[in-house]
C-alpha atoms as a PDB file:
ATOM      1  CA  MET A   1       8.176   4.060  -2.189  1.00  0.00           C
ATOM      2  CA  THR A   2       5.365   6.601  -2.418  1.00  0.00           C
ATOM      3  CA  PHE A   3       1.771   6.419  -1.221  1.00  0.00           C
ATOM      4  CA  LEU A   4      -0.718   9.021  -2.438  1.00  0.00           C
ATOM      5  CA  TYR A   5      -4.059   8.874  -0.614  1.00  0.00           C
ATOM      6  CA  ASP A   6      -6.533  10.787  -2.748  1.00  0.00           C
ATOM      7  CA  TYR A   7      -9.878  10.771  -4.519  1.00  0.00           C
ATOM      8  CA  ASP A   8     -10.154   8.539  -7.590  1.00  0.00           C
ATOM      9  CA  ASN A   9     -12.034  11.193  -9.564  1.00  0.00           C
ATOM     10  CA  GLY A  10      -9.923  14.326  -9.324  1.00  0.00           C
ATOM     11  CA  THR A  11      -8.256  15.522  -6.157  1.00  0.00           C
ATOM     12  CA  VAL A  12      -9.414  16.651  -2.725  1.00  0.00           C
ATOM     13  CA  GLU A  13      -7.941  19.254  -0.410  1.00  0.00           C
ATOM     14  CA  ASP A  14      -7.125  16.732   2.296  1.00  0.00           C
ATOM     15  CA  ALA A  15      -5.102  14.433   0.035  1.00  0.00           C
ATOM     16  CA  VAL A  16      -2.040  12.969   1.752  1.00  0.00           C
ATOM     17  CA  TYR A  17       1.243  12.026   0.110  1.00  0.00           C
ATOM     18  CA  HIS A  18       3.750   9.802   1.922  1.00  0.00           C
ATOM     19  CA  ILE A  19       7.296   9.346   0.650  1.00  0.00           C
ATOM     20  CA  VAL A  20       9.136   6.411   2.221  1.00  0.00           C
ATOM     21  CA  TRP A  21      12.868   5.787   1.791  1.00  0.00           C
ATOM     22  CA  ILE A  22      15.969   4.337   3.405  1.00  0.00           C
ATOM     23  CA  LYS A  23      19.297   6.149   3.569  1.00  0.00           C
ATOM     24  CA  LYS A  24      22.340   4.665   5.289  1.00  0.00           C
ATOM     25  CA  LYS A  25      20.168   2.014   6.981  1.00  0.00           C
ATOM     26  CA  GLN A  26      17.860   4.676   8.471  1.00  0.00           C
ATOM     27  CA  GLY A  27      14.210   4.752   7.404  1.00  0.00           C
ATOM     28  CA  PHE A  28      12.306   7.968   6.733  1.00  0.00           C
ATOM     29  CA  ILE A  29       8.673   8.849   6.068  1.00  0.00           C
ATOM     30  CA  LYS A  30       7.883  12.310   4.710  1.00  0.00           C
ATOM     31  CA  THR A  31       4.210  13.253   4.811  1.00  0.00           C
ATOM     32  CA  LEU A  32       2.671  16.104   2.829  1.00  0.00           C
ATOM     33  CA  ARG A  33      -0.906  16.986   3.779  1.00  0.00           C
ATOM     34  CA  ASN A  34      -3.528  19.275   2.292  1.00  0.00           C
ATOM     35  CA  CYS A  35      -3.265  20.677  -1.220  1.00  0.00           C
ATOM     36  CA  THR A  36      -4.202  24.283  -0.360  1.00  0.00           C
ATOM     37  CA  ILE A  37      -2.062  24.874   2.739  1.00  0.00           C
ATOM     38  CA  PRO A  38       0.568  22.139   2.674  1.00  0.00           C
ATOM     39  CA  SER A  39       2.001  20.849   5.915  1.00  0.00           C
ATOM     40  CA  ILE A  40       5.110  18.713   5.839  1.00  0.00           C
ATOM     41  CA  ALA A  41       6.269  16.290   8.505  1.00  0.00           C
ATOM     42  CA  VAL A  42       9.311  14.016   8.407  1.00  0.00           C
ATOM     43  CA  GLN A  43       9.728  11.154  10.821  1.00  0.00           C
ATOM     44  CA  THR A  44      12.307   8.436  11.166  1.00  0.00           C
ATOM     45  CA  SER A  45      11.340   4.826  11.588  1.00  0.00           C
ATOM     46  CA  ASN A  46      13.367   1.667  11.976  1.00  0.00           C
ATOM     47  CA  LYS A  47      10.343  -0.213  10.601  1.00  0.00           C
ATOM     48  CA  VAL A  48      10.490   1.276   7.085  1.00  0.00           C
ATOM     49  CA  GLY A  49      12.716  -1.561   5.896  1.00  0.00           C
ATOM     50  CA  SER A  50       9.910  -3.990   6.653  1.00  0.00           C
ATOM     51  CA  LEU A  51       7.744  -2.305   3.961  1.00  0.00           C
ATOM     52  CA  PHE A  52      10.377  -3.012   1.314  1.00  0.00           C
ATOM     53  CA  ALA A  53      10.998  -6.532   2.648  1.00  0.00           C
ATOM     54  CA  PHE A  54       7.252  -7.305   2.650  1.00  0.00           C
ATOM     55  CA  TYR A  55       6.999  -6.012  -0.923  1.00  0.00           C
ATOM     56  CA  THR A  56       9.757  -8.270  -2.228  1.00  0.00           C
ATOM     57  CA  GLN A  57       8.805 -11.322  -0.131  1.00  0.00           C
ATOM     58  CA  ASN A  58       5.257 -11.208  -1.496  1.00  0.00           C
ATOM     59  CA  LYS A  59       6.414 -10.654  -5.098  1.00  0.00           C
ATOM     60  CA  PHE A  60       3.981  -7.820  -5.755  1.00  0.00           C
ATOM     61  CA  TRP A  61       5.019  -7.743  -9.418  1.00  0.00           C
ATOM     62  CA  ASP A  62       3.418 -11.208  -9.844  1.00  0.00           C
ATOM     63  CA  LEU A  63       0.125 -10.434  -8.092  1.00  0.00           C
ATOM     64  CA  PRO A  64      -3.051 -10.483 -10.188  1.00  0.00           C
ATOM     65  CA  GLU A  65      -5.158  -7.334 -10.440  1.00  0.00           C
ATOM     66  CA  LEU A  66      -7.372  -6.594  -7.482  1.00  0.00           C
ATOM     67  CA  GLN A  67     -11.021  -7.416  -8.008  1.00  0.00           C
ATOM     68  CA  ARG A  68     -12.836  -4.350  -9.298  1.00  0.00           C
ATOM     69  CA  CYS A  69     -15.426  -2.717  -7.108  1.00  0.00           C
ATOM     70  CA  ASN A  70     -18.535  -1.092  -8.493  1.00  0.00           C
ATOM     71  CA  GLN A  71     -18.298   1.998  -6.346  1.00  0.00           C
ATOM     72  CA  SER A  72     -17.736   5.304  -8.092  1.00  0.00           C
ATOM     73  CA  HIS A  73     -15.947   8.244  -6.508  1.00  0.00           C
ATOM     74  CA  ASP A  74     -13.899   6.621  -3.772  1.00  0.00           C
ATOM     75  CA  MET A  75     -10.726   7.435  -1.884  1.00  0.00           C
ATOM     76  CA  GLY A  76      -7.731   5.171  -2.160  1.00  0.00           C
ATOM     77  CA  TYR A  77      -3.970   4.794  -2.406  1.00  0.00           C
ATOM     78  CA  TYR A  78      -1.843   5.078  -5.504  1.00  0.00           C
ATOM     79  CA  ILE A  79       1.409   3.322  -4.633  1.00  0.00           C
ATOM     80  CA  VAL A  80       4.670   3.493  -6.561  1.00  0.00           C
ATOM     81  CA  VAL A  81       7.629   1.356  -5.534  1.00  0.00           C
ATOM     82  CA  TYR A  82      11.127   2.112  -6.817  1.00  0.00           C
ATOM     83  CA  LEU A  83      13.693  -0.669  -6.484  1.00  0.00           C
ATOM     84  CA  PRO A  84      16.882  -1.206  -8.461  1.00  0.00           C
ATOM     85  CA  ASN A  85      15.825  -2.374 -11.946  1.00  0.00           C
ATOM     86  CA  LYS A  86      12.153  -2.504 -10.929  1.00  0.00           C
ATOM     87  CA  VAL A  87       9.308   0.018 -10.634  1.00  0.00           C
ATOM     88  CA  GLY A  88       5.799  -1.026  -9.645  1.00  0.00           C
ATOM     89  CA  HIS A  89       2.514   0.935  -9.713  1.00  0.00           C
ATOM     90  CA  TYR A  90      -0.528  -0.173  -7.717  1.00  0.00           C
ATOM     91  CA  ASN A  91      -3.979   1.270  -7.029  1.00  0.00           C
ATOM     92  CA  VAL A  92      -5.746   0.192  -3.854  1.00  0.00           C
ATOM     93  CA  ARG A  93      -9.109   1.910  -3.519  1.00  0.00           C
ATOM     94  CA  ASN A  94     -10.877   1.897  -0.153  1.00  0.00           C
ATOM     95  CA  CYS A  95     -13.585  -0.363  -1.565  1.00  0.00           C
ATOM     96  CA  GLN A  96     -10.873  -2.885  -2.545  1.00  0.00           C
ATOM     97  CA  ARG A  97      -9.043  -2.918   0.750  1.00  0.00           C
ATOM     98  CA  HIS A  98      -9.285  -6.030   2.817  1.00  0.00           C
ATOM     99  CA  GLN A  99     -10.444  -8.176  -0.082  1.00  0.00           C
ATOM    100  CA  LEU A 100      -9.849 -11.762   0.828  1.00  0.00           C
ATOM    101  CA  LYS A 101      -8.134 -14.316  -1.373  1.00  0.00           C
ATOM    102  CA  LYS A 102      -7.882 -18.079  -1.105  1.00  0.00           C
ATOM    103  CA  VAL A 103      -4.460 -19.351  -0.179  1.00  0.00           C
ATOM    104  CA  GLY A 104      -3.837 -22.492  -2.222  1.00  0.00           C
ATOM    105  CA  LYS A 105      -6.275 -25.319  -2.910  1.00  0.00           C
ATOM    106  CA  ALA A 106      -7.241 -27.894  -0.332  1.00  0.00           C
ATOM    107  CA  LEU A 107      -6.166 -31.419  -1.154  1.00  0.00           C
ATOM    108  CA  PRO A 108      -8.735 -34.227  -0.925  1.00  0.00           C
ATOM    109  CA  GLY A 109      -9.457 -34.901   2.736  1.00  0.00           C
ATOM    110  CA  GLU A 110      -7.969 -31.590   3.908  1.00  0.00           C
ATOM    111  CA  ALA A 111      -9.889 -28.776   5.532  1.00  0.00           C
ATOM    112  CA  PRO A 112     -10.661 -25.854   3.201  1.00  0.00           C
ATOM    113  CA  LYS A 113      -7.759 -23.441   2.885  1.00  0.00           C
ATOM    114  CA  GLN A 114      -7.922 -20.248   4.883  1.00  0.00           C
ATOM    115  CA  LEU A 115      -8.646 -16.875   3.376  1.00  0.00           C
ATOM    116  CA  GLU A 116      -6.176 -14.046   3.870  1.00  0.00           C
ATOM    117  CA  LYS A 117      -5.916 -10.352   3.063  1.00  0.00           C
ATOM    118  CA  ASP A 118      -4.416  -9.279  -0.225  1.00  0.00           C
ATOM    119  CA  PRO A 119      -0.775  -8.212   0.329  1.00  0.00           C
ATOM    120  CA  ARG A 120      -1.461  -4.751  -1.140  1.00  0.00           C
ATOM    121  CA  SER A 121      -3.972  -4.093   1.662  1.00  0.00           C
ATOM    122  CA  VAL A 122      -1.483  -5.366   4.215  1.00  0.00           C
ATOM    123  CA  LEU A 123       1.205  -3.003   2.853  1.00  0.00           C
ATOM    124  CA  VAL A 124      -1.173  -0.037   3.246  1.00  0.00           C
ATOM    125  CA  ASP A 125      -2.099  -1.217   6.766  1.00  0.00           C
ATOM    126  CA  MET A 126       1.603  -1.395   7.646  1.00  0.00           C
ATOM    127  CA  LEU A 127       2.221   2.163   6.424  1.00  0.00           C
ATOM    128  CA  GLU A 128      -0.818   3.486   8.296  1.00  0.00           C
ATOM    129  CA  GLY A 129       0.450   1.768  11.446  1.00  0.00           C
ATOM    130  CA  PHE A 130       3.820   3.552  11.132  1.00  0.00           C
ATOM    131  CA  ILE A 131       2.365   7.036  10.634  1.00  0.00           C
ATOM    132  CA  LYS A 132      -0.139   6.976  13.502  1.00  0.00           C
END
């Protein structure tokens, strides 16, 4: 799984690239920062497996496109997920993060259904929580 945090109109010097993988049941996150003077950090995390589990449980491959935002020149994540027999590509711009979606329809006589965050935003939030 890779997460590139960069500008949507070219690239910026402080772009950050995170590579997330599991080897022999151990999770790793490799972070590459800054295009001009790269710095590399590798950390281990037992929580990395939860990123892959969240991805499959929420069936990202079936999710509709995120609602477009009318903001030009924004930062955001370009996410690529590599699983056996499946590769997914997702863009989550900052202006799209934390978009809410309706969860199901309320039946007659029921209270309106709750709104929740889009799973792609939650995946990015999870990664950011691991690297802080």
